[in-house]
Amino acid sequence: HENPEIHGGEHSAHLGLNQSKERKLAEIASQQRKVVVALPLALMVFVVMLWMAAHSTLSGFPEFILPENILTPILFVIATLTLFWVGRQFINGLIRFVRYRVADMDSLVGIGSVTAYIYSSTLLLFPQIKQSLNLPDTSYFDVTIVVIAFVYFGKYLEARSKLQTGEAIEKLMN
């Protein structure tokens, strides 16, 4: 069941069909700038996640250098940057899902990352809610950062390889 409002121009624009080569190159350059910032941050956050998991499961494994009450606000800032700058297309996918009731990978990543961000932000900014509902101290800013960065990196690699494949097909046709 296709929604006529997203049929045609808007859908092909979303998929990147009929884009000029210059526009595709500009889009890939924009994606690359975001990947260069987000991927190293996500890898560092991933290492922190592994460190904290190892500390909680392995006896004798040292605690992480920063206490959680300092680390969580830092992760909040990084998650905000990641979600609203790098993850903009996932937020747009979530908005498309709400408007047109059509889900794709962007909307699914958007649902998960926005939910994790809102829940974690609520716990951080309104600790009285956490206490009154007896919620655990767990925040999911790290998950928001890692998921968005890795999925976005995959999208960047896909766009780059599609462009290279298109150029190879053009050369073969000529």
N, C-alpha and C. Protein backbone atom coordinates (compact mmCIF):
# COMPACT_ATOMS: atom_id res chain seq x y z
N HIS A 1 0.83 -1.18 0.00
CA HIS A 1 0.00 0.00 0.00
C HIS A 1 0.88 1.24 0.00
N GLU A 2 0.91 1.93 -1.10
CA GLU A 2 1.75 3.12 -1.22
C GLU A 2 0.94 4.36 -0.94
N ASN A 3 1.54 5.29 -0.25
CA ASN A 3 0.91 6.56 0.02
C ASN A 3 1.16 7.47 -1.18
N PRO A 4 0.12 8.03 -1.81
CA PRO A 4 0.33 8.85 -2.99
C PRO A 4 1.14 10.12 -2.70
N GLU A 5 1.14 10.57 -1.44
CA GLU A 5 1.86 11.79 -1.11
C GLU A 5 3.38 11.59 -1.20
N ILE A 6 3.88 10.35 -1.03
CA ILE A 6 5.32 10.15 -1.07
C ILE A 6 5.72 9.42 -2.35
N HIS A 7 4.76 9.20 -3.21
CA HIS A 7 5.04 8.57 -4.49
C HIS A 7 5.70 9.59 -5.42
N GLY A 8 6.53 9.15 -6.29
CA GLY A 8 7.08 10.03 -7.31
C GLY A 8 8.28 10.82 -6.84
N GLY A 9 8.20 12.15 -7.00
CA GLY A 9 9.35 13.02 -6.79
C GLY A 9 9.98 12.94 -5.42
N GLU A 10 9.14 12.98 -4.38
CA GLU A 10 9.71 12.97 -3.03
C GLU A 10 10.42 11.64 -2.74
N HIS A 11 9.82 10.53 -3.20
CA HIS A 11 10.41 9.22 -2.95
C HIS A 11 11.72 9.07 -3.73
N SER A 12 11.73 9.48 -4.99
CA SER A 12 12.97 9.35 -5.77
C SER A 12 14.05 10.29 -5.24
N ALA A 13 13.65 11.45 -4.71
CA ALA A 13 14.63 12.35 -4.09
C ALA A 13 15.21 11.72 -2.85
N HIS A 14 14.35 11.05 -2.05
CA HIS A 14 14.82 10.37 -0.85
C HIS A 14 15.81 9.27 -1.20
N LEU A 15 15.56 8.55 -2.27
CA LEU A 15 16.45 7.46 -2.67
C LEU A 15 17.70 7.96 -3.38
N GLY A 16 17.71 9.21 -3.80
CA GLY A 16 18.87 9.75 -4.49
C GLY A 16 18.88 9.44 -5.97
N LEU A 17 17.71 9.09 -6.52
CA LEU A 17 17.63 8.81 -7.94
C LEU A 17 17.65 10.12 -8.71
N ASN A 18 18.14 10.07 -9.92
CA ASN A 18 18.17 11.23 -10.82
C ASN A 18 18.98 12.41 -10.27
N GLN A 19 19.95 12.15 -9.40
CA GLN A 19 20.83 13.21 -8.92
C GLN A 19 21.98 13.36 -9.90
N SER A 20 22.44 14.59 -10.05
CA SER A 20 23.61 14.81 -10.90
C SER A 20 24.84 14.25 -10.19
N LYS A 21 25.86 14.00 -10.98
CA LYS A 21 27.10 13.47 -10.41
C LYS A 21 27.70 14.46 -9.42
N GLU A 22 27.63 15.76 -9.72
CA GLU A 22 28.17 16.78 -8.83
C GLU A 22 27.44 16.77 -7.49
N ARG A 23 26.13 16.63 -7.55
CA ARG A 23 25.35 16.60 -6.31
C ARG A 23 25.68 15.36 -5.48
N LYS A 24 25.85 14.22 -6.16
CA LYS A 24 26.22 12.99 -5.45
C LYS A 24 27.59 13.14 -4.80
N LEU A 25 28.53 13.77 -5.53
CA LEU A 25 29.87 13.98 -4.98
C LEU A 25 29.81 14.92 -3.77
N ALA A 26 28.99 15.95 -3.85
CA ALA A 26 28.84 16.88 -2.72
C ALA A 26 28.22 16.18 -1.52
N GLU A 27 27.25 15.32 -1.78
CA GLU A 27 26.61 14.57 -0.69
C GLU A 27 27.59 13.61 -0.04
N ILE A 28 28.41 12.94 -0.85
CA ILE A 28 29.40 12.02 -0.30
C ILE A 28 30.45 12.78 0.50
N ALA A 29 30.85 13.97 0.04
CA ALA A 29 31.81 14.78 0.79
C ALA A 29 31.22 15.20 2.14
N SER A 30 29.94 15.54 2.15
CA SER A 30 29.26 15.89 3.41
C SER A 30 29.21 14.69 4.35
N GLN A 31 28.88 13.53 3.79
CA GLN A 31 28.85 12.31 4.60
C GLN A 31 30.25 12.00 5.15
N GLN A 32 31.26 12.20 4.35
CA GLN A 32 32.63 11.91 4.79
C GLN A 32 33.02 12.80 5.96
N ARG A 33 32.67 14.09 5.92
CA ARG A 33 32.97 14.99 7.04
C ARG A 33 32.30 14.49 8.32
N LYS A 34 31.07 14.04 8.21
CA LYS A 34 30.36 13.54 9.40
C LYS A 34 30.99 12.26 9.91
N VAL A 35 31.38 11.38 8.99
CA VAL A 35 32.01 10.11 9.38
C VAL A 35 33.34 10.36 10.08
N VAL A 36 34.12 11.32 9.57
CA VAL A 36 35.44 11.61 10.14
C VAL A 36 35.31 12.08 11.59
N VAL A 37 34.21 12.75 11.92
CA VAL A 37 33.98 13.19 13.30
C VAL A 37 33.34 12.08 14.13
N ALA A 38 32.29 11.46 13.60
CA ALA A 38 31.48 10.53 14.39
C ALA A 38 32.15 9.18 14.63
N LEU A 39 32.84 8.65 13.64
CA LEU A 39 33.40 7.30 13.80
C LEU A 39 34.47 7.21 14.88
N PRO A 40 35.46 8.12 14.93
CA PRO A 40 36.42 8.04 16.03
C PRO A 40 35.77 8.21 17.41
N LEU A 41 34.79 9.12 17.51
CA LEU A 41 34.08 9.28 18.78
C LEU A 41 33.36 7.99 19.16
N ALA A 42 32.69 7.38 18.17
CA ALA A 42 31.97 6.13 18.43
C ALA A 42 32.91 5.01 18.84
N LEU A 43 34.07 4.94 18.21
CA LEU A 43 35.03 3.90 18.58
C LEU A 43 35.54 4.10 20.01
N MET A 44 35.78 5.35 20.39
CA MET A 44 36.21 5.62 21.77
C MET A 44 35.10 5.25 22.75
N VAL A 45 33.87 5.62 22.42
CA VAL A 45 32.74 5.29 23.29
C VAL A 45 32.56 3.77 23.37
N PHE A 46 32.77 3.08 22.26
CA PHE A 46 32.66 1.63 22.24
C PHE A 46 33.70 0.99 23.17
N VAL A 47 34.91 1.52 23.15
CA VAL A 47 35.96 1.01 24.05
C VAL A 47 35.55 1.25 25.51
N VAL A 48 34.98 2.41 25.79
CA VAL A 48 34.50 2.70 27.15
C VAL A 48 33.40 1.71 27.54
N MET A 49 32.48 1.42 26.61
CA MET A 49 31.42 0.44 26.87
C MET A 49 32.02 -0.92 27.22
N LEU A 50 33.01 -1.35 26.44
CA LEU A 50 33.65 -2.64 26.70
C LEU A 50 34.36 -2.63 28.05
N TRP A 51 35.03 -1.53 28.35
CA TRP A 51 35.75 -1.40 29.62
C TRP A 51 34.78 -1.55 30.79
N MET A 52 33.66 -0.82 30.71
CA MET A 52 32.69 -0.86 31.81
C MET A 52 32.02 -2.23 31.93
N ALA A 53 31.78 -2.88 30.80
CA ALA A 53 31.22 -4.23 30.83
C ALA A 53 32.23 -5.20 31.44
N ALA A 54 33.50 -5.06 31.09
CA ALA A 54 34.53 -5.93 31.65
C ALA A 54 34.66 -5.71 33.14
N HIS A 55 34.58 -4.45 33.58
CA HIS A 55 34.67 -4.15 35.01
C HIS A 55 33.51 -4.77 35.79
N SER A 56 32.32 -4.75 35.20
CA SER A 56 31.16 -5.26 35.93
C SER A 56 31.09 -6.79 35.92
N THR A 57 31.77 -7.45 34.98
CA THR A 57 31.68 -8.91 34.90
C THR A 57 32.94 -9.65 35.34
N LEU A 58 34.10 -9.01 35.19
CA LEU A 58 35.36 -9.68 35.52
C LEU A 58 35.89 -9.16 36.85
N SER A 59 36.10 -10.06 37.79
CA SER A 59 36.65 -9.60 39.07
C SER A 59 38.10 -9.17 38.88
N GLY A 60 38.45 -8.07 39.50
CA GLY A 60 39.81 -7.57 39.42
C GLY A 60 40.06 -6.63 38.25
N PHE A 61 39.09 -6.49 37.32
CA PHE A 61 39.26 -5.56 36.21
C PHE A 61 39.06 -4.15 36.76
N PRO A 62 39.98 -3.23 36.48
CA PRO A 62 39.89 -1.89 37.10
C PRO A 62 38.70 -1.08 36.62
N GLU A 63 38.28 -0.15 37.47
CA GLU A 63 37.21 0.76 37.10
C GLU A 63 37.69 1.71 36.02
N PHE A 64 36.75 2.28 35.27
CA PHE A 64 37.11 3.26 34.25
C PHE A 64 37.62 4.52 34.93
N ILE A 65 38.47 5.25 34.24
CA ILE A 65 39.15 6.42 34.79
C ILE A 65 38.16 7.47 35.30
N LEU A 66 37.12 7.76 34.49
CA LEU A 66 36.13 8.77 34.87
C LEU A 66 34.97 8.12 35.61
N PRO A 67 34.53 8.73 36.71
CA PRO A 67 33.33 8.20 37.37
C PRO A 67 32.09 8.46 36.50
N GLU A 68 31.06 7.67 36.72
CA GLU A 68 29.87 7.75 35.87
C GLU A 68 29.17 9.11 35.95
N ASN A 69 29.24 9.80 37.09
CA ASN A 69 28.58 11.10 37.19
C ASN A 69 29.29 12.18 36.36
N ILE A 70 30.52 11.94 35.92
CA ILE A 70 31.22 12.85 35.00
C ILE A 70 31.10 12.34 33.57
N LEU A 71 31.17 11.02 33.39
CA LEU A 71 31.11 10.43 32.06
C LEU A 71 29.75 10.63 31.40
N THR A 72 28.66 10.51 32.15
CA THR A 72 27.32 10.61 31.56
C THR A 72 27.06 11.97 30.92
N PRO A 73 27.38 13.10 31.57
CA PRO A 73 27.19 14.38 30.87
C PRO A 73 28.06 14.54 29.61
N ILE A 74 29.26 13.97 29.64
CA ILE A 74 30.11 14.01 28.45
C ILE A 74 29.45 13.21 27.32
N LEU A 75 28.94 12.03 27.65
CA LEU A 75 28.24 11.21 26.65
C LEU A 75 26.98 11.92 26.16
N PHE A 76 26.31 12.67 27.03
CA PHE A 76 25.13 13.44 26.64
C PHE A 76 25.49 14.45 25.54
N VAL A 77 26.59 15.15 25.71
CA VAL A 77 27.02 16.14 24.71
C VAL A 77 27.37 15.45 23.39
N ILE A 78 28.12 14.35 23.47
CA ILE A 78 28.51 13.62 22.25
C ILE A 78 27.27 13.03 21.57
N ALA A 79 26.34 12.49 22.35
CA ALA A 79 25.12 11.92 21.79
C ALA A 79 24.25 12.99 21.13
N THR A 80 24.22 14.18 21.73
CA THR A 80 23.45 15.27 21.14
C THR A 80 24.03 15.65 19.78
N LEU A 81 25.34 15.81 19.72
CA LEU A 81 26.02 16.10 18.45
C LEU A 81 25.75 15.00 17.43
N THR A 82 25.90 13.76 17.86
CA THR A 82 25.73 12.63 16.94
C THR A 82 24.30 12.53 16.44
N LEU A 83 23.33 12.66 17.33
CA LEU A 83 21.93 12.49 16.93
C LEU A 83 21.46 13.62 16.03
N PHE A 84 21.74 14.85 16.39
CA PHE A 84 21.17 15.98 15.66
C PHE A 84 22.00 16.47 14.48
N TRP A 85 23.26 16.05 14.39
CA TRP A 85 24.06 16.43 13.22
C TRP A 85 24.23 15.22 12.30
N VAL A 86 24.84 14.17 12.79
CA VAL A 86 25.08 12.99 11.96
C VAL A 86 23.77 12.23 11.73
N GLY A 87 22.95 12.12 12.75
CA GLY A 87 21.74 11.32 12.67
C GLY A 87 20.52 12.04 12.14
N ARG A 88 20.70 13.21 11.55
CA ARG A 88 19.57 13.99 11.03
C ARG A 88 18.70 13.16 10.09
N GLN A 89 19.30 12.37 9.20
CA GLN A 89 18.49 11.59 8.27
C GLN A 89 17.67 10.51 8.98
N PHE A 90 18.14 10.04 10.14
CA PHE A 90 17.36 9.06 10.89
C PHE A 90 16.17 9.73 11.59
N ILE A 91 16.38 10.96 12.04
CA ILE A 91 15.26 11.73 12.60
C ILE A 91 14.24 12.01 11.51
N ASN A 92 14.72 12.39 10.32
CA ASN A 92 13.81 12.60 9.19
C ASN A 92 13.07 11.32 8.82
N GLY A 93 13.74 10.18 8.91
CA GLY A 93 13.08 8.90 8.67
C GLY A 93 11.99 8.63 9.69
N LEU A 94 12.23 9.00 10.93
CA LEU A 94 11.22 8.86 11.97
C LEU A 94 10.02 9.77 11.68
N ILE A 95 10.29 10.99 11.24
CA ILE A 95 9.21 11.92 10.90
C ILE A 95 8.40 11.39 9.71
N ARG A 96 9.09 10.85 8.69
CA ARG A 96 8.38 10.25 7.55
C ARG A 96 7.50 9.10 8.01
N PHE A 97 8.01 8.30 8.95
CA PHE A 97 7.23 7.18 9.47
C PHE A 97 5.95 7.67 10.15
N VAL A 98 6.08 8.69 10.96
CA VAL A 98 4.92 9.24 11.66
C VAL A 98 3.93 9.84 10.68
N ARG A 99 4.43 10.57 9.67
CA ARG A 99 3.54 11.24 8.71
C ARG A 99 2.86 10.27 7.75
N TYR A 100 3.64 9.33 7.18
CA TYR A 100 3.13 8.50 6.09
C TYR A 100 2.90 7.03 6.47
N ARG A 101 3.28 6.65 7.68
CA ARG A 101 3.14 5.25 8.14
C ARG A 101 3.91 4.28 7.25
N VAL A 102 5.08 4.73 6.76
CA VAL A 102 5.95 3.89 5.93
C VAL A 102 7.30 3.82 6.62
N ALA A 103 7.69 2.60 7.00
CA ALA A 103 8.95 2.42 7.72
C ALA A 103 10.04 1.95 6.77
N ASP A 104 11.24 2.44 7.01
CA ASP A 104 12.43 1.95 6.32
C ASP A 104 13.54 1.89 7.36
N MET A 105 14.75 1.60 6.92
CA MET A 105 15.84 1.47 7.88
C MET A 105 16.08 2.77 8.63
N ASP A 106 15.98 3.91 7.95
CA ASP A 106 16.18 5.20 8.61
C ASP A 106 15.18 5.41 9.74
N SER A 107 13.93 5.06 9.50
CA SER A 107 12.92 5.26 10.55
C SER A 107 13.15 4.31 11.72
N LEU A 108 13.59 3.10 11.45
CA LEU A 108 13.85 2.15 12.54
C LEU A 108 15.04 2.59 13.39
N VAL A 109 16.11 3.05 12.74
CA VAL A 109 17.26 3.56 13.49
C VAL A 109 16.84 4.82 14.25
N GLY A 110 16.01 5.65 13.62
CA GLY A 110 15.52 6.86 14.27
C GLY A 110 14.70 6.56 15.51
N ILE A 111 13.80 5.59 15.43
CA ILE A 111 12.98 5.22 16.59
C ILE A 111 13.86 4.77 17.74
N GLY A 112 14.79 3.88 17.47
CA GLY A 112 15.65 3.36 18.53
C GLY A 112 16.57 4.41 19.13
N SER A 113 17.20 5.20 18.28
CA SER A 113 18.16 6.17 18.80
C SER A 113 17.48 7.34 19.50
N VAL A 114 16.37 7.82 18.97
CA VAL A 114 15.64 8.92 19.62
C VAL A 114 15.06 8.45 20.95
N THR A 115 14.54 7.25 21.00
CA THR A 115 14.00 6.71 22.25
C THR A 115 15.09 6.59 23.31
N ALA A 116 16.23 6.03 22.92
CA ALA A 116 17.35 5.89 23.87
C ALA A 116 17.83 7.26 24.35
N TYR A 117 17.89 8.22 23.44
CA TYR A 117 18.35 9.57 23.78
C TYR A 117 17.36 10.27 24.72
N ILE A 118 16.08 10.20 24.42
CA ILE A 118 15.07 10.86 25.26
C ILE A 118 15.04 10.23 26.66
N TYR A 119 15.07 8.90 26.71
CA TYR A 119 15.06 8.21 28.01
C TYR A 119 16.27 8.62 28.84
N SER A 120 17.46 8.56 28.22
CA SER A 120 18.69 8.88 28.94
C SER A 120 18.74 10.35 29.34
N SER A 121 18.28 11.24 28.46
CA SER A 121 18.25 12.67 28.77
C SER A 121 17.31 12.95 29.93
N THR A 122 16.19 12.27 29.96
CA THR A 122 15.24 12.44 31.06
C THR A 122 15.87 12.02 32.38
N LEU A 123 16.57 10.91 32.38
CA LEU A 123 17.23 10.45 33.61
C LEU A 123 18.31 11.43 34.06
N LEU A 124 19.05 11.98 33.09
CA LEU A 124 20.14 12.90 33.42
C LEU A 124 19.62 14.26 33.89
N LEU A 125 18.66 14.81 33.16
CA LEU A 125 18.20 16.17 33.43
C LEU A 125 17.15 16.27 34.53
N PHE A 126 16.43 15.17 34.77
CA PHE A 126 15.38 15.16 35.79
C PHE A 126 15.57 13.97 36.73
N PRO A 127 16.58 14.02 37.59
CA PRO A 127 16.87 12.87 38.46
C PRO A 127 15.71 12.53 39.41
N GLN A 128 14.85 13.50 39.69
CA GLN A 128 13.72 13.22 40.58
C GLN A 128 12.75 12.21 39.94
N ILE A 129 12.64 12.21 38.60
CA ILE A 129 11.79 11.22 37.92
C ILE A 129 12.39 9.83 38.10
N LYS A 130 13.71 9.75 37.95
CA LYS A 130 14.39 8.47 38.13
C LYS A 130 14.15 7.94 39.55
N GLN A 131 14.26 8.82 40.55
CA GLN A 131 14.07 8.40 41.94
C GLN A 131 12.62 8.03 42.22
N SER A 132 11.67 8.82 41.73
CA SER A 132 10.27 8.54 42.04
C SER A 132 9.77 7.26 41.37
N LEU A 133 10.31 6.94 40.19
CA LEU A 133 9.91 5.70 39.50
C LEU A 133 10.83 4.53 39.82
N ASN A 134 11.86 4.79 40.65
CA ASN A 134 12.83 3.77 41.04
C ASN A 134 13.49 3.10 39.82
N LEU A 135 13.93 3.95 38.87
CA LEU A 135 14.57 3.46 37.65
C LEU A 135 16.05 3.23 37.89
N PRO A 136 16.66 2.31 37.16
CA PRO A 136 18.10 2.08 37.32
C PRO A 136 18.90 3.26 36.80
N ASP A 137 20.16 3.36 37.19
CA ASP A 137 21.03 4.46 36.79
C ASP A 137 21.54 4.34 35.36
N THR A 138 21.13 3.34 34.65
CA THR A 138 21.64 3.07 33.31
C THR A 138 21.19 4.14 32.31
N SER A 139 22.15 4.67 31.56
CA SER A 139 21.81 5.57 30.45
C SER A 139 22.25 4.90 29.16
N TYR A 140 21.67 5.36 28.06
CA TYR A 140 21.93 4.73 26.76
C TYR A 140 22.49 5.71 25.75
N PHE A 141 23.17 6.75 26.23
CA PHE A 141 23.81 7.68 25.30
C PHE A 141 24.86 6.96 24.46
N ASP A 142 25.58 6.03 25.08
CA ASP A 142 26.62 5.30 24.35
C ASP A 142 26.04 4.50 23.19
N VAL A 143 24.90 3.89 23.41
CA VAL A 143 24.25 3.11 22.35
C VAL A 143 23.81 4.03 21.21
N THR A 144 23.26 5.18 21.56
CA THR A 144 22.85 6.15 20.55
C THR A 144 24.04 6.55 19.67
N ILE A 145 25.16 6.84 20.29
CA ILE A 145 26.35 7.28 19.56
C ILE A 145 26.87 6.17 18.65
N VAL A 146 27.04 4.98 19.20
CA VAL A 146 27.65 3.88 18.45
C VAL A 146 26.75 3.43 17.29
N VAL A 147 25.45 3.27 17.55
CA VAL A 147 24.55 2.81 16.49
C VAL A 147 24.48 3.81 15.35
N ILE A 148 24.27 5.08 15.67
CA ILE A 148 24.17 6.09 14.61
C ILE A 148 25.48 6.17 13.82
N ALA A 149 26.59 6.20 14.50
CA ALA A 149 27.88 6.34 13.79
C ALA A 149 28.15 5.13 12.90
N PHE A 150 27.93 3.93 13.39
CA PHE A 150 28.22 2.75 12.58
C PHE A 150 27.25 2.61 11.41
N VAL A 151 25.97 2.86 11.63
CA VAL A 151 25.00 2.78 10.53
C VAL A 151 25.29 3.87 9.50
N TYR A 152 25.61 5.06 9.96
CA TYR A 152 25.93 6.15 9.04
C TYR A 152 27.20 5.84 8.25
N PHE A 153 28.19 5.25 8.90
CA PHE A 153 29.41 4.84 8.21
C PHE A 153 29.07 3.84 7.10
N GLY A 154 28.19 2.89 7.40
CA GLY A 154 27.75 1.93 6.39
C GLY A 154 27.05 2.61 5.22
N LYS A 155 26.21 3.60 5.50
CA LYS A 155 25.53 4.35 4.45
C LYS A 155 26.54 5.13 3.59
N TYR A 156 27.56 5.68 4.23
CA TYR A 156 28.61 6.40 3.50
C TYR A 156 29.34 5.44 2.56
N LEU A 157 29.72 4.27 3.07
CA LEU A 157 30.42 3.29 2.22
C LEU A 157 29.53 2.84 1.06
N GLU A 158 28.25 2.67 1.33
CA GLU A 158 27.30 2.26 0.28
C GLU A 158 27.20 3.35 -0.80
N ALA A 159 27.05 4.60 -0.40
CA ALA A 159 26.93 5.70 -1.37
C ALA A 159 28.20 5.82 -2.21
N ARG A 160 29.35 5.68 -1.56
CA ARG A 160 30.63 5.77 -2.27
C ARG A 160 30.78 4.63 -3.28
N SER A 161 30.40 3.42 -2.86
CA SER A 161 30.55 2.29 -3.78
C SER A 161 29.53 2.36 -4.92
N LYS A 162 28.33 2.90 -4.67
CA LYS A 162 27.36 3.08 -5.76
C LYS A 162 27.90 4.06 -6.80
N LEU A 163 28.52 5.14 -6.34
CA LEU A 163 29.09 6.12 -7.26
C LEU A 163 30.20 5.48 -8.08
N GLN A 164 31.07 4.72 -7.43
CA GLN A 164 32.17 4.07 -8.15
C GLN A 164 31.64 3.03 -9.14
N THR A 165 30.59 2.31 -8.75
CA THR A 165 29.99 1.33 -9.65
C THR A 165 29.38 2.01 -10.87
N GLY A 166 28.69 3.14 -10.62
CA GLY A 166 28.10 3.90 -11.72
C GLY A 166 29.16 4.40 -12.68
N GLU A 167 30.27 4.89 -12.15
CA GLU A 167 31.36 5.36 -13.00
C GLU A 167 31.95 4.22 -13.81
N ALA A 168 32.09 3.04 -13.21
CA ALA A 168 32.63 1.88 -13.93
C ALA A 168 31.68 1.46 -15.05
N ILE A 169 30.37 1.50 -14.79
CA ILE A 169 29.40 1.13 -15.82
C ILE A 169 29.44 2.15 -16.96
N GLU A 170 29.56 3.44 -16.63
CA GLU A 170 29.69 4.47 -17.67
C GLU A 170 30.90 4.21 -18.55
N LYS A 171 32.02 3.87 -17.95
CA LYS A 171 33.24 3.61 -18.73
C LYS A 171 33.06 2.40 -19.64
N LEU A 172 32.38 1.36 -19.12
CA LEU A 172 32.15 0.18 -19.94
C LEU A 172 31.22 0.50 -21.11
N MET A 173 30.23 1.34 -20.87
CA MET A 173 29.28 1.70 -21.95
C MET A 173 29.98 2.53 -23.02
N ASN A 174 30.92 3.38 -22.60
CA ASN A 174 31.64 4.20 -23.58
C ASN A 174 32.62 3.35 -24.35
